[in-house]
Amino acid sequence: IHGKNLVAILHLLVSLAMHFRAPIRLPEHVSVQVVVVRKREGLLHSSHISEELTTTTEMMMGRFERDAFDTLFDHAPDKLSVVKKFADGVYLVLLVGLLEDYFVPLHNFYLTPDSFDQKVHNVSFAFELMLDGGLKKPKARPEDVVNLDLKSTLRVLYNLFTKYKNVE
């Protein structure tokens, strides 16, 4: 990096974005062609190397094993569009309030969010309510839910389901 190696700098930026869970979606399978030039016996010799900067999102985020949601996406992706209703966080906040048996004051979240930031605020607030209710911090990022990432949204809903499945 100190030698101004662009590939090393790009690797660092990708690693930082993944480590700090930046609210961006990195494209999968990004690679760059690097030309390596070496001088031997007074002659320049060049070679081309392909350097992979990103792999799949799941591998970059540390989820290597396939689970039931991967199978569900493989076999019935058309049946999952109903999950998109949770993307603005409103239903998620209200659902957590219902499950925990309390009213969530309407001034704590945006009832009709009209921007990405307001939607992220709602989902983040729902995650805070889940933590207060004794659930583990969701592995999904609020930005993933807002960006209609179905696997992330289903994982959040499944965590709610496992805790409250026996509640009447």
Protein backbone atom coordinates (compact mmCIF):
# COMPACT_ATOMS: atom_id res chain seq x y z
CA ILE A 1 0.00 0.00 0.00
CA HIS A 2 2.84 2.36 0.85
CA GLY A 3 4.36 1.48 -2.53
CA LYS A 4 1.15 2.73 -4.23
CA ASN A 5 0.17 -0.73 -5.45
CA LEU A 6 -3.37 -0.19 -6.78
CA VAL A 7 -4.38 -3.84 -6.43
CA ALA A 8 -3.32 -3.88 -2.78
CA ILE A 9 -5.24 -0.66 -2.17
CA LEU A 10 -8.36 -2.14 -3.80
CA HIS A 11 -8.05 -5.28 -1.65
CA LEU A 12 -7.79 -3.06 1.43
CA LEU A 13 -10.87 -1.05 0.47
CA VAL A 14 -12.92 -4.21 -0.16
CA SER A 15 -11.76 -5.68 3.17
CA LEU A 16 -12.64 -2.47 5.02
CA ALA A 17 -16.08 -2.35 3.41
CA MET A 18 -16.77 -5.94 4.45
CA HIS A 19 -15.31 -5.57 7.95
CA PHE A 20 -17.29 -2.45 8.78
CA ARG A 21 -20.38 -3.75 6.94
CA ALA A 22 -20.60 -0.67 4.75
CA PRO A 23 -24.13 0.06 3.48
CA ILE A 24 -23.15 -0.76 -0.08
CA ARG A 25 -23.58 -3.86 -2.18
CA LEU A 26 -20.27 -4.95 -3.64
CA PRO A 27 -20.57 -6.59 -7.05
CA GLU A 28 -19.68 -10.27 -7.13
CA HIS A 29 -16.79 -11.82 -9.05
CA VAL A 30 -14.85 -8.62 -9.74
CA SER A 31 -11.34 -9.19 -11.02
CA VAL A 32 -8.68 -7.02 -12.59
CA GLN A 33 -6.05 -7.85 -15.14
CA VAL A 34 -2.60 -6.96 -13.81
CA VAL A 35 0.39 -6.54 -16.09
CA VAL A 36 3.59 -7.57 -14.34
CA VAL A 37 6.75 -6.26 -15.94
CA ARG A 38 10.17 -7.61 -14.91
CA LYS A 39 13.57 -6.66 -16.13
CA ARG A 40 15.93 -9.58 -16.77
CA GLU A 41 19.31 -9.20 -18.35
CA GLY A 42 18.43 -5.78 -19.66
CA LEU A 43 15.17 -6.92 -21.31
CA LEU A 44 11.61 -6.26 -20.14
CA HIS A 45 9.40 -9.33 -19.74
CA SER A 46 5.68 -8.90 -19.16
CA SER A 47 3.01 -11.30 -18.00
CA HIS A 48 -0.72 -10.91 -17.32
CA ILE A 49 -2.25 -12.04 -14.04
CA SER A 50 -5.95 -12.00 -13.15
CA GLU A 51 -6.45 -10.79 -9.56
CA GLU A 52 -9.85 -11.53 -7.99
CA LEU A 53 -11.07 -8.65 -5.79
CA THR A 54 -14.49 -10.01 -4.77
CA THR A 55 -16.09 -13.45 -4.72
CA THR A 56 -19.73 -14.18 -3.91
CA THR A 57 -21.50 -12.01 -1.36
CA GLU A 58 -22.00 -14.95 0.99
CA MET A 59 -18.33 -15.90 0.92
CA MET A 60 -17.23 -12.31 1.45
CA MET A 61 -19.58 -11.89 4.41
CA GLY A 62 -18.41 -15.13 6.00
CA ARG A 63 -21.40 -17.38 5.33
CA PHE A 64 -19.90 -20.41 3.65
CA GLU A 65 -22.40 -23.13 4.47
CA ARG A 66 -25.63 -23.52 2.57
CA ASP A 67 -28.78 -23.52 4.63
CA ALA A 68 -32.51 -24.04 4.18
CA PHE A 69 -32.91 -20.57 2.70
CA ASP A 70 -30.47 -21.35 -0.09
CA THR A 71 -32.51 -24.45 -0.91
CA LEU A 72 -35.73 -22.44 -0.80
CA PHE A 73 -34.29 -19.92 -3.25
CA ASP A 74 -33.13 -22.70 -5.54
CA HIS A 75 -36.54 -24.40 -5.72
CA ALA A 76 -39.27 -21.79 -5.09
CA PRO A 77 -38.06 -18.22 -5.66
CA ASP A 78 -41.42 -17.15 -7.10
CA LYS A 79 -43.18 -17.72 -3.77
CA LEU A 80 -41.03 -15.25 -1.84
CA SER A 81 -42.31 -11.90 -3.13
CA VAL A 82 -44.49 -11.41 -0.03
CA VAL A 83 -41.34 -10.83 2.01
CA LYS A 84 -40.75 -7.55 0.15
CA LYS A 85 -43.49 -5.96 2.26
CA PHE A 86 -40.99 -5.76 5.16
CA ALA A 87 -38.45 -3.71 3.18
CA ASP A 88 -39.45 -0.32 4.61
CA GLY A 89 -39.30 -1.62 8.20
CA VAL A 90 -42.83 -0.50 9.15
CA TYR A 91 -44.34 -3.99 9.28
CA LEU A 92 -41.23 -5.29 11.02
CA VAL A 93 -41.48 -2.67 13.80
CA LEU A 94 -45.19 -3.30 14.25
CA LEU A 95 -44.68 -7.08 14.22
CA VAL A 96 -42.07 -6.92 16.97
CA GLY A 97 -44.41 -4.72 19.02
CA LEU A 98 -47.24 -7.22 18.59
CA LEU A 99 -45.06 -10.19 19.46
CA GLU A 100 -43.70 -8.49 22.57
CA ASP A 101 -47.21 -7.28 23.48
CA TYR A 102 -46.60 -3.53 23.55
CA PHE A 103 -47.48 -0.51 21.46
CA VAL A 104 -44.62 1.12 19.61
CA PRO A 105 -45.07 4.91 19.72
CA LEU A 106 -45.48 6.19 16.19
CA HIS A 107 -42.98 9.00 16.72
CA ASN A 108 -40.15 6.45 17.10
CA PHE A 109 -40.22 5.40 13.45
CA TYR A 110 -41.40 6.60 10.05
CA LEU A 111 -44.90 5.29 9.34
CA THR A 112 -44.62 6.24 5.65
CA PRO A 113 -40.91 6.38 4.89
CA ASP A 114 -40.06 8.08 1.63
CA SER A 115 -36.28 7.78 1.55
CA PHE A 116 -33.68 5.06 1.84
CA ASP A 117 -32.36 6.54 5.11
CA GLN A 118 -35.81 6.54 6.70
CA LYS A 119 -36.31 2.91 5.74
CA VAL A 120 -32.89 1.97 7.15
CA HIS A 121 -33.82 3.84 10.35
CA ASN A 122 -37.02 1.78 10.64
CA VAL A 123 -35.27 -1.55 10.13
CA SER A 124 -32.47 -0.56 12.53
CA PHE A 125 -35.10 0.40 15.09
CA ALA A 126 -36.81 -2.99 14.62
CA PHE A 127 -33.45 -4.68 15.19
CA GLU A 128 -33.05 -2.69 18.44
CA LEU A 129 -36.50 -3.83 19.54
CA MET A 130 -35.50 -7.43 18.80
CA LEU A 131 -32.39 -7.03 20.95
CA ASP A 132 -34.53 -5.59 23.74
CA GLY A 133 -36.81 -8.62 23.39
CA GLY A 134 -33.94 -11.02 24.00
CA LEU A 135 -33.12 -12.00 20.42
CA LYS A 136 -29.56 -12.09 19.15
CA LYS A 137 -28.43 -9.26 16.91
CA PRO A 138 -29.59 -10.17 13.38
CA LYS A 139 -26.82 -11.20 11.01
CA ALA A 140 -28.48 -9.22 8.25
CA ARG A 141 -27.74 -5.56 7.80
CA PRO A 142 -30.66 -3.12 7.78
CA GLU A 143 -29.49 -1.98 4.35
CA ASP A 144 -29.85 -5.55 3.03
CA VAL A 145 -33.48 -5.70 4.15
CA VAL A 146 -34.22 -2.29 2.62
CA ASN A 147 -32.49 -3.34 -0.62
CA LEU A 148 -34.96 -6.26 -0.84
CA ASP A 149 -32.37 -8.95 -0.14
CA LEU A 150 -34.79 -11.80 0.41
CA LYS A 151 -32.37 -14.13 2.18
CA SER A 152 -31.51 -11.47 4.75
CA THR A 153 -35.17 -10.61 5.33
CA LEU A 154 -36.14 -14.27 5.65
CA ARG A 155 -33.36 -14.88 8.16
CA VAL A 156 -34.64 -11.98 10.29
CA LEU A 157 -38.21 -13.28 10.11
CA TYR A 158 -37.08 -16.82 10.90
CA ASN A 159 -35.34 -15.59 14.06
CA LEU A 160 -38.62 -14.02 15.13
CA PHE A 161 -40.47 -17.22 14.25
CA THR A 162 -38.16 -19.45 16.31
CA LYS A 163 -38.62 -17.32 19.40
CA TYR A 164 -42.36 -16.77 19.16
CA LYS A 165 -43.62 -19.97 17.48
CA ASN A 166 -45.23 -21.25 20.67
CA VAL A 167 -46.78 -17.93 21.76
CA GLU A 168 -50.55 -17.79 21.55
